Amino acid sequence: RRDGVFHPTASADEVADGIICAIDGLMT
C-alpha cells in the first residue's frame, strides 16, 4: 500500500483474514 502497488478493499487485518480463509480452504 505504501508503494502504491496494492489498493486494499478493506483494512489490512480484514484483507489478511480473507486471504487466510482462502488459504485454509485450499489447504483442506
PDB file of all heavy atoms in Angstrom:
ATOM      1  N   ARG A   1       0.834  -1.204   0.000  1.00  0.00           N
ATOM      2  CA  ARG A   1       0.000   0.000   0.000  1.00  0.00           C
ATOM      3  C   ARG A   1       0.870   1.255   0.000  1.00  0.00           C
ATOM      4  O   ARG A   1       0.584   2.221  -0.722  1.00  0.00           O
ATOM      5  CB  ARG A   1      -0.930  -0.012   1.214  1.00  0.00           C
ATOM      6  CG  ARG A   1      -1.887   1.168   1.279  1.00  0.00           C
ATOM      7  CD  ARG A   1      -2.977   0.945   2.300  1.00  0.00           C
ATOM      8  NE  ARG A   1      -2.456   0.471   3.568  1.00  0.00           N
ATOM      9  CZ  ARG A   1      -3.230   0.046   4.565  1.00  0.00           C
ATOM     10  NH1 ARG A   1      -4.538   0.009   4.413  1.00  0.00           N
ATOM     11  NH2 ARG A   1      -2.686  -0.342   5.701  1.00  0.00           N
ATOM     12  N   ARG A   2       1.941   1.237   0.781  1.00  0.00           N
ATOM     13  CA  ARG A   2       2.851   2.392   0.804  1.00  0.00           C
ATOM     14  C   ARG A   2       3.497   2.625  -0.563  1.00  0.00           C
ATOM     15  O   ARG A   2       3.709   3.769  -0.982  1.00  0.00           O
ATOM     16  CB  ARG A   2       3.949   2.186   1.865  1.00  0.00           C
ATOM     17  CG  ARG A   2       3.472   2.326   3.300  1.00  0.00           C
ATOM     18  CD  ARG A   2       4.657   2.433   4.252  1.00  0.00           C
ATOM     19  NE  ARG A   2       5.533   1.260   4.177  1.00  0.00           N
ATOM     20  CZ  ARG A   2       5.390   0.186   4.940  1.00  0.00           C
ATOM     21  NH1 ARG A   2       4.394   0.103   5.807  1.00  0.00           N
ATOM     22  NH2 ARG A   2       6.240  -0.827   4.833  1.00  0.00           N
ATOM     23  N   ASP A   3       3.786   1.525  -1.256  1.00  0.00           N
ATOM     24  CA  ASP A   3       4.435   1.632  -2.566  1.00  0.00           C
ATOM     25  C   ASP A   3       3.454   1.901  -3.697  1.00  0.00           C
ATOM     26  O   ASP A   3       3.858   2.059  -4.855  1.00  0.00           O
ATOM     27  CB  ASP A   3       5.200   0.341  -2.877  1.00  0.00           C
ATOM     28  CG  ASP A   3       6.438   0.164  -1.995  1.00  0.00           C
ATOM     29  OD1 ASP A   3       6.745   1.090  -1.215  1.00  0.00           O
ATOM     30  OD2 ASP A   3       7.082  -0.912  -2.082  1.00  0.00           O
ATOM     31  N   GLY A   4       2.165   1.910  -3.370  1.00  0.00           N
ATOM     32  CA  GLY A   4       1.164   2.137  -4.400  1.00  0.00           C
ATOM     33  C   GLY A   4       0.881   0.931  -5.267  1.00  0.00           C
ATOM     34  O   GLY A   4       0.247   1.040  -6.322  1.00  0.00           O
ATOM     35  N   VAL A   5       1.342  -0.241  -4.823  1.00  0.00           N
ATOM     36  CA  VAL A   5       1.144  -1.476  -5.576  1.00  0.00           C
ATOM     37  C   VAL A   5      -0.202  -2.105  -5.242  1.00  0.00           C
ATOM     38  O   VAL A   5      -0.887  -2.645  -6.123  1.00  0.00           O
ATOM     39  CB  VAL A   5       2.287  -2.474  -5.276  1.00  0.00           C
ATOM     40  CG1 VAL A   5       2.048  -3.801  -5.988  1.00  0.00           C
ATOM     41  CG2 VAL A   5       3.619  -1.884  -5.683  1.00  0.00           C
ATOM     42  N   PHE A   6      -0.600  -2.052  -3.972  1.00  0.00           N
ATOM     43  CA  PHE A   6      -1.857  -2.614  -3.512  1.00  0.00           C
ATOM     44  C   PHE A   6      -2.845  -1.496  -3.186  1.00  0.00           C
ATOM     45  O   PHE A   6      -2.458  -0.431  -2.689  1.00  0.00           O
ATOM     46  CB  PHE A   6      -1.650  -3.475  -2.265  1.00  0.00           C
ATOM     47  CG  PHE A   6      -0.733  -4.653  -2.454  1.00  0.00           C
ATOM     48  CD1 PHE A   6      -0.010  -5.165  -1.379  1.00  0.00           C
ATOM     49  CD2 PHE A   6      -0.589  -5.266  -3.691  1.00  0.00           C
ATOM     50  CE1 PHE A   6       0.835  -6.251  -1.536  1.00  0.00           C
ATOM     51  CE2 PHE A   6       0.253  -6.351  -3.864  1.00  0.00           C
ATOM     52  CZ  PHE A   6       0.969  -6.847  -2.783  1.00  0.00           C
ATOM     53  N   HIS A   7      -4.121  -1.797  -3.430  1.00  0.00           N
ATOM     54  CA  HIS A   7      -5.206  -0.872  -3.106  1.00  0.00           C
ATOM     55  C   HIS A   7      -6.286  -1.669  -2.383  1.00  0.00           C
ATOM     56  O   HIS A   7      -7.330  -1.998  -2.962  1.00  0.00           O
ATOM     57  CB  HIS A   7      -5.746  -0.225  -4.384  1.00  0.00           C
ATOM     58  CG  HIS A   7      -4.674   0.360  -5.254  1.00  0.00           C
ATOM     59  ND1 HIS A   7      -4.082   1.592  -4.996  1.00  0.00           N
ATOM     60  CD2 HIS A   7      -4.037  -0.146  -6.353  1.00  0.00           C
ATOM     61  CE1 HIS A   7      -3.151   1.833  -5.907  1.00  0.00           C
ATOM     62  NE2 HIS A   7      -3.105   0.799  -6.738  1.00  0.00           N
ATOM     63  N   PRO A   8      -6.029  -2.003  -1.115  1.00  0.00           N
ATOM     64  CA  PRO A   8      -6.897  -2.927  -0.373  1.00  0.00           C
ATOM     65  C   PRO A   8      -8.350  -2.467  -0.329  1.00  0.00           C
ATOM     66  O   PRO A   8      -8.636  -1.270  -0.235  1.00  0.00           O
ATOM     67  CB  PRO A   8      -6.279  -2.937   1.032  1.00  0.00           C
ATOM     68  CG  PRO A   8      -4.864  -2.499   0.837  1.00  0.00           C
ATOM     69  CD  PRO A   8      -4.905  -1.524  -0.298  1.00  0.00           C
ATOM     70  N   THR A   9      -9.252  -3.436  -0.403  1.00  0.00           N
ATOM     71  CA  THR A   9     -10.674  -3.145  -0.385  1.00  0.00           C
ATOM     72  C   THR A   9     -11.228  -3.053   1.040  1.00  0.00           C
ATOM     73  O   THR A   9     -12.413  -2.769   1.227  1.00  0.00           O
ATOM     74  CB  THR A   9     -11.435  -4.244  -1.142  1.00  0.00           C
ATOM     75  OG1 THR A   9     -11.125  -5.521  -0.565  1.00  0.00           O
ATOM     76  CG2 THR A   9     -11.022  -4.260  -2.613  1.00  0.00           C
ATOM     77  N   ALA A  10     -10.393  -3.320   2.030  1.00  0.00           N
ATOM     78  CA  ALA A  10     -10.782  -3.225   3.444  1.00  0.00           C
ATOM     79  C   ALA A  10      -9.510  -2.975   4.248  1.00  0.00           C
ATOM     80  O   ALA A  10      -8.435  -2.747   3.674  1.00  0.00           O
ATOM     81  CB  ALA A  10     -11.486  -4.502   3.895  1.00  0.00           C
ATOM     82  N   SER A  11      -9.613  -3.011   5.570  1.00  0.00           N
ATOM     83  CA  SER A  11      -8.423  -2.823   6.397  1.00  0.00           C
ATOM     84  C   SER A  11      -7.434  -3.943   6.136  1.00  0.00           C
ATOM     85  O   SER A  11      -7.799  -5.028   5.659  1.00  0.00           O
ATOM     86  CB  SER A  11      -8.798  -2.808   7.877  1.00  0.00           C
ATOM     87  OG  SER A  11      -9.206  -4.103   8.298  1.00  0.00           O
ATOM     88  N   ALA A  12      -6.167  -3.688   6.449  1.00  0.00           N
ATOM     89  CA  ALA A  12      -5.135  -4.704   6.224  1.00  0.00           C
ATOM     90  C   ALA A  12      -5.449  -5.988   6.987  1.00  0.00           C
ATOM     91  O   ALA A  12      -5.251  -7.097   6.458  1.00  0.00           O
ATOM     92  CB  ALA A  12      -3.768  -4.160   6.632  1.00  0.00           C
ATOM     93  N   ASP A  13      -5.939  -5.865   8.220  1.00  0.00           N
ATOM     94  CA  ASP A  13      -6.289  -7.056   9.007  1.00  0.00           C
ATOM     95  C   ASP A  13      -7.396  -7.866   8.334  1.00  0.00           C
ATOM     96  O   ASP A  13      -7.324  -9.101   8.270  1.00  0.00           O
ATOM     97  CB  ASP A  13      -6.735  -6.650  10.407  1.00  0.00           C
ATOM     98  CG  ASP A  13      -5.579  -6.372  11.345  1.00  0.00           C
ATOM     99  OD1 ASP A  13      -4.432  -6.704  10.981  1.00  0.00           O
ATOM    100  OD2 ASP A  13      -5.812  -5.831  12.439  1.00  0.00           O
ATOM    101  N   GLU A  14      -8.429  -7.171   7.844  1.00  0.00           N
ATOM    102  CA  GLU A  14      -9.547  -7.881   7.229  1.00  0.00           C
ATOM    103  C   GLU A  14      -9.145  -8.515   5.901  1.00  0.00           C
ATOM    104  O   GLU A  14      -9.588  -9.625   5.571  1.00  0.00           O
ATOM    105  CB  GLU A  14     -10.728  -6.932   7.045  1.00  0.00           C
ATOM    106  CG  GLU A  14     -11.386  -6.530   8.362  1.00  0.00           C
ATOM    107  CD  GLU A  14     -12.562  -5.592   8.164  1.00  0.00           C
ATOM    108  OE1 GLU A  14     -12.718  -5.059   7.038  1.00  0.00           O
ATOM    109  OE2 GLU A  14     -13.300  -5.391   9.137  1.00  0.00           O
ATOM    110  N   VAL A  15      -8.325  -7.816   5.126  1.00  0.00           N
ATOM    111  CA  VAL A  15      -7.843  -8.394   3.877  1.00  0.00           C
ATOM    112  C   VAL A  15      -6.987  -9.624   4.170  1.00  0.00           C
ATOM    113  O   VAL A  15      -7.122 -10.669   3.518  1.00  0.00           O
ATOM    114  CB  VAL A  15      -7.043  -7.360   3.061  1.00  0.00           C
ATOM    115  CG1 VAL A  15      -6.315  -8.032   1.896  1.00  0.00           C
ATOM    116  CG2 VAL A  15      -7.973  -6.271   2.529  1.00  0.00           C
ATOM    117  N   ALA A  16      -6.106  -9.518   5.167  1.00  0.00           N
ATOM    118  CA  ALA A  16      -5.268 -10.659   5.542  1.00  0.00           C
ATOM    119  C   ALA A  16      -6.123 -11.846   5.970  1.00  0.00           C
ATOM    120  O   ALA A  16      -5.863 -12.993   5.575  1.00  0.00           O
ATOM    121  CB  ALA A  16      -4.309 -10.263   6.663  1.00  0.00           C
ATOM    122  N   ASP A  17      -7.165 -11.583   6.758  1.00  0.00           N
ATOM    123  CA  ASP A  17      -8.041 -12.672   7.194  1.00  0.00           C
ATOM    124  C   ASP A  17      -8.786 -13.292   6.010  1.00  0.00           C
ATOM    125  O   ASP A  17      -9.022 -14.509   5.979  1.00  0.00           O
ATOM    126  CB  ASP A  17      -9.039 -12.168   8.234  1.00  0.00           C
ATOM    127  CG  ASP A  17      -8.393 -11.958   9.595  1.00  0.00           C
ATOM    128  OD1 ASP A  17      -7.292 -12.486   9.815  1.00  0.00           O
ATOM    129  OD2 ASP A  17      -8.997 -11.268  10.443  1.00  0.00           O
ATOM    130  N   GLY A  18      -9.158 -12.465   5.018  1.00  0.00           N
ATOM    131  CA  GLY A  18      -9.792 -13.013   3.827  1.00  0.00           C
ATOM    132  C   GLY A  18      -8.853 -13.921   3.058  1.00  0.00           C
ATOM    133  O   GLY A  18      -9.259 -14.987   2.561  1.00  0.00           O
ATOM    134  N   ILE A  19      -7.591 -13.511   2.946  1.00  0.00           N
ATOM    135  CA  ILE A  19      -6.592 -14.355   2.274  1.00  0.00           C
ATOM    136  C   ILE A  19      -6.393 -15.657   3.043  1.00  0.00           C
ATOM    137  O   ILE A  19      -6.299 -16.742   2.451  1.00  0.00           O
ATOM    138  CB  ILE A  19      -5.256 -13.600   2.141  1.00  0.00           C
ATOM    139  CG1 ILE A  19      -5.434 -12.375   1.236  1.00  0.00           C
ATOM    140  CG2 ILE A  19      -4.162 -14.524   1.580  1.00  0.00           C
ATOM    141  CD1 ILE A  19      -4.236 -11.438   1.233  1.00  0.00           C
ATOM    142  N   ILE A  20      -6.343 -15.558   4.364  1.00  0.00           N
ATOM    143  CA  ILE A  20      -6.180 -16.754   5.202  1.00  0.00           C
ATOM    144  C   ILE A  20      -7.339 -17.721   5.004  1.00  0.00           C
ATOM    145  O   ILE A  20      -7.146 -18.946   4.941  1.00  0.00           O
ATOM    146  CB  ILE A  20      -6.033 -16.362   6.681  1.00  0.00           C
ATOM    147  CG1 ILE A  20      -4.692 -15.667   6.911  1.00  0.00           C
ATOM    148  CG2 ILE A  20      -6.165 -17.582   7.589  1.00  0.00           C
ATOM    149  CD1 ILE A  20      -4.569 -15.004   8.270  1.00  0.00           C
ATOM    150  N   CYS A  21      -8.556 -17.183   4.889  1.00  0.00           N
ATOM    151  CA  CYS A  21      -9.714 -18.053   4.651  1.00  0.00           C
ATOM    152  C   CYS A  21      -9.555 -18.813   3.338  1.00  0.00           C
ATOM    153  O   CYS A  21      -9.863 -20.014   3.265  1.00  0.00           O
ATOM    154  CB  CYS A  21     -11.000 -17.222   4.625  1.00  0.00           C
ATOM    155  SG  CYS A  21     -11.540 -16.632   6.241  1.00  0.00           S
ATOM    156  N   ALA A  22      -9.076 -18.132   2.309  1.00  0.00           N
ATOM    157  CA  ALA A  22      -8.861 -18.797   1.018  1.00  0.00           C
ATOM    158  C   ALA A  22      -7.766 -19.861   1.138  1.00  0.00           C
ATOM    159  O   ALA A  22      -7.903 -20.978   0.617  1.00  0.00           O
ATOM    160  CB  ALA A  22      -8.491 -17.771  -0.043  1.00  0.00           C
ATOM    161  N   ILE A  23      -6.680 -19.513   1.823  1.00  0.00           N
ATOM    162  CA  ILE A  23      -5.595 -20.478   2.032  1.00  0.00           C
ATOM    163  C   ILE A  23      -6.104 -21.687   2.809  1.00  0.00           C
ATOM    164  O   ILE A  23      -5.825 -22.841   2.456  1.00  0.00           O
ATOM    165  CB  ILE A  23      -4.417 -19.816   2.781  1.00  0.00           C
ATOM    166  CG1 ILE A  23      -3.716 -18.787   1.883  1.00  0.00           C
ATOM    167  CG2 ILE A  23      -3.420 -20.864   3.261  1.00  0.00           C
ATOM    168  CD1 ILE A  23      -2.669 -17.960   2.598  1.00  0.00           C
ATOM    169  N   ASP A  24      -6.863 -21.431   3.867  1.00  0.00           N
ATOM    170  CA  ASP A  24      -7.401 -22.502   4.702  1.00  0.00           C
ATOM    171  C   ASP A  24      -8.216 -23.497   3.882  1.00  0.00           C
ATOM    172  O   ASP A  24      -8.049 -24.719   4.004  1.00  0.00           O
ATOM    173  CB  ASP A  24      -8.289 -21.889   5.789  1.00  0.00           C
ATOM    174  CG  ASP A  24      -7.872 -22.317   7.178  1.00  0.00           C
ATOM    175  OD1 ASP A  24      -6.988 -23.178   7.303  1.00  0.00           O
ATOM    176  OD2 ASP A  24      -8.442 -21.793   8.146  1.00  0.00           O
ATOM    177  N   GLY A  25      -9.100 -22.968   3.057  1.00  0.00           N
ATOM    178  CA  GLY A  25      -9.935 -23.848   2.244  1.00  0.00           C
ATOM    179  C   GLY A  25      -9.123 -24.678   1.265  1.00  0.00           C
ATOM    180  O   GLY A  25      -9.371 -25.879   1.093  1.00  0.00           O
ATOM    181  N   LEU A  26      -8.143 -24.059   0.638  1.00  0.00           N
ATOM    182  CA  LEU A  26      -7.317 -24.780  -0.325  1.00  0.00           C
ATOM    183  C   LEU A  26      -6.404 -25.792   0.370  1.00  0.00           C
ATOM    184  O   LEU A  26      -6.114 -26.855  -0.185  1.00  0.00           O
ATOM    185  CB  LEU A  26      -6.501 -23.794  -1.159  1.00  0.00           C
ATOM    186  CG  LEU A  26      -7.327 -23.012  -2.186  1.00  0.00           C
ATOM    187  CD1 LEU A  26      -6.498 -21.905  -2.814  1.00  0.00           C
ATOM    188  CD2 LEU A  26      -7.878 -23.942  -3.264  1.00  0.00           C
ATOM    189  N   MET A  27      -5.953 -25.475   1.588  1.00  0.00           N
ATOM    190  CA  MET A  27      -5.145 -26.446   2.333  1.00  0.00           C
ATOM    191  C   MET A  27      -5.950 -27.708   2.620  1.00  0.00           C
ATOM    192  O   MET A  27      -5.428 -28.825   2.576  1.00  0.00           O
ATOM    193  CB  MET A  27      -4.633 -25.826   3.632  1.00  0.00           C
ATOM    194  CG  MET A  27      -3.541 -24.795   3.433  1.00  0.00           C
ATOM    195  SD  MET A  27      -2.924 -24.089   4.997  1.00  0.00           S
ATOM    196  CE  MET A  27      -1.850 -25.411   5.568  1.00  0.00           C
ATOM    197  N   THR A  28      -7.232 -27.536   2.920  1.00  0.00           N
ATOM    198  CA  THR A  28      -8.094 -28.698   3.132  1.00  0.00           C
ATOM    199  C   THR A  28      -8.202 -29.529   1.862  1.00  0.00           C
ATOM    200  O   THR A  28      -8.083 -30.762   1.891  1.00  0.00           O
ATOM    201  CB  THR A  28      -9.492 -28.250   3.581  1.00  0.00           C
ATOM    202  OG1 THR A  28      -9.395 -27.530   4.815  1.00  0.00           O
ATOM    203  CG2 THR A  28     -10.420 -29.445   3.769  1.00  0.00           C
TER     204      THR A  28
END
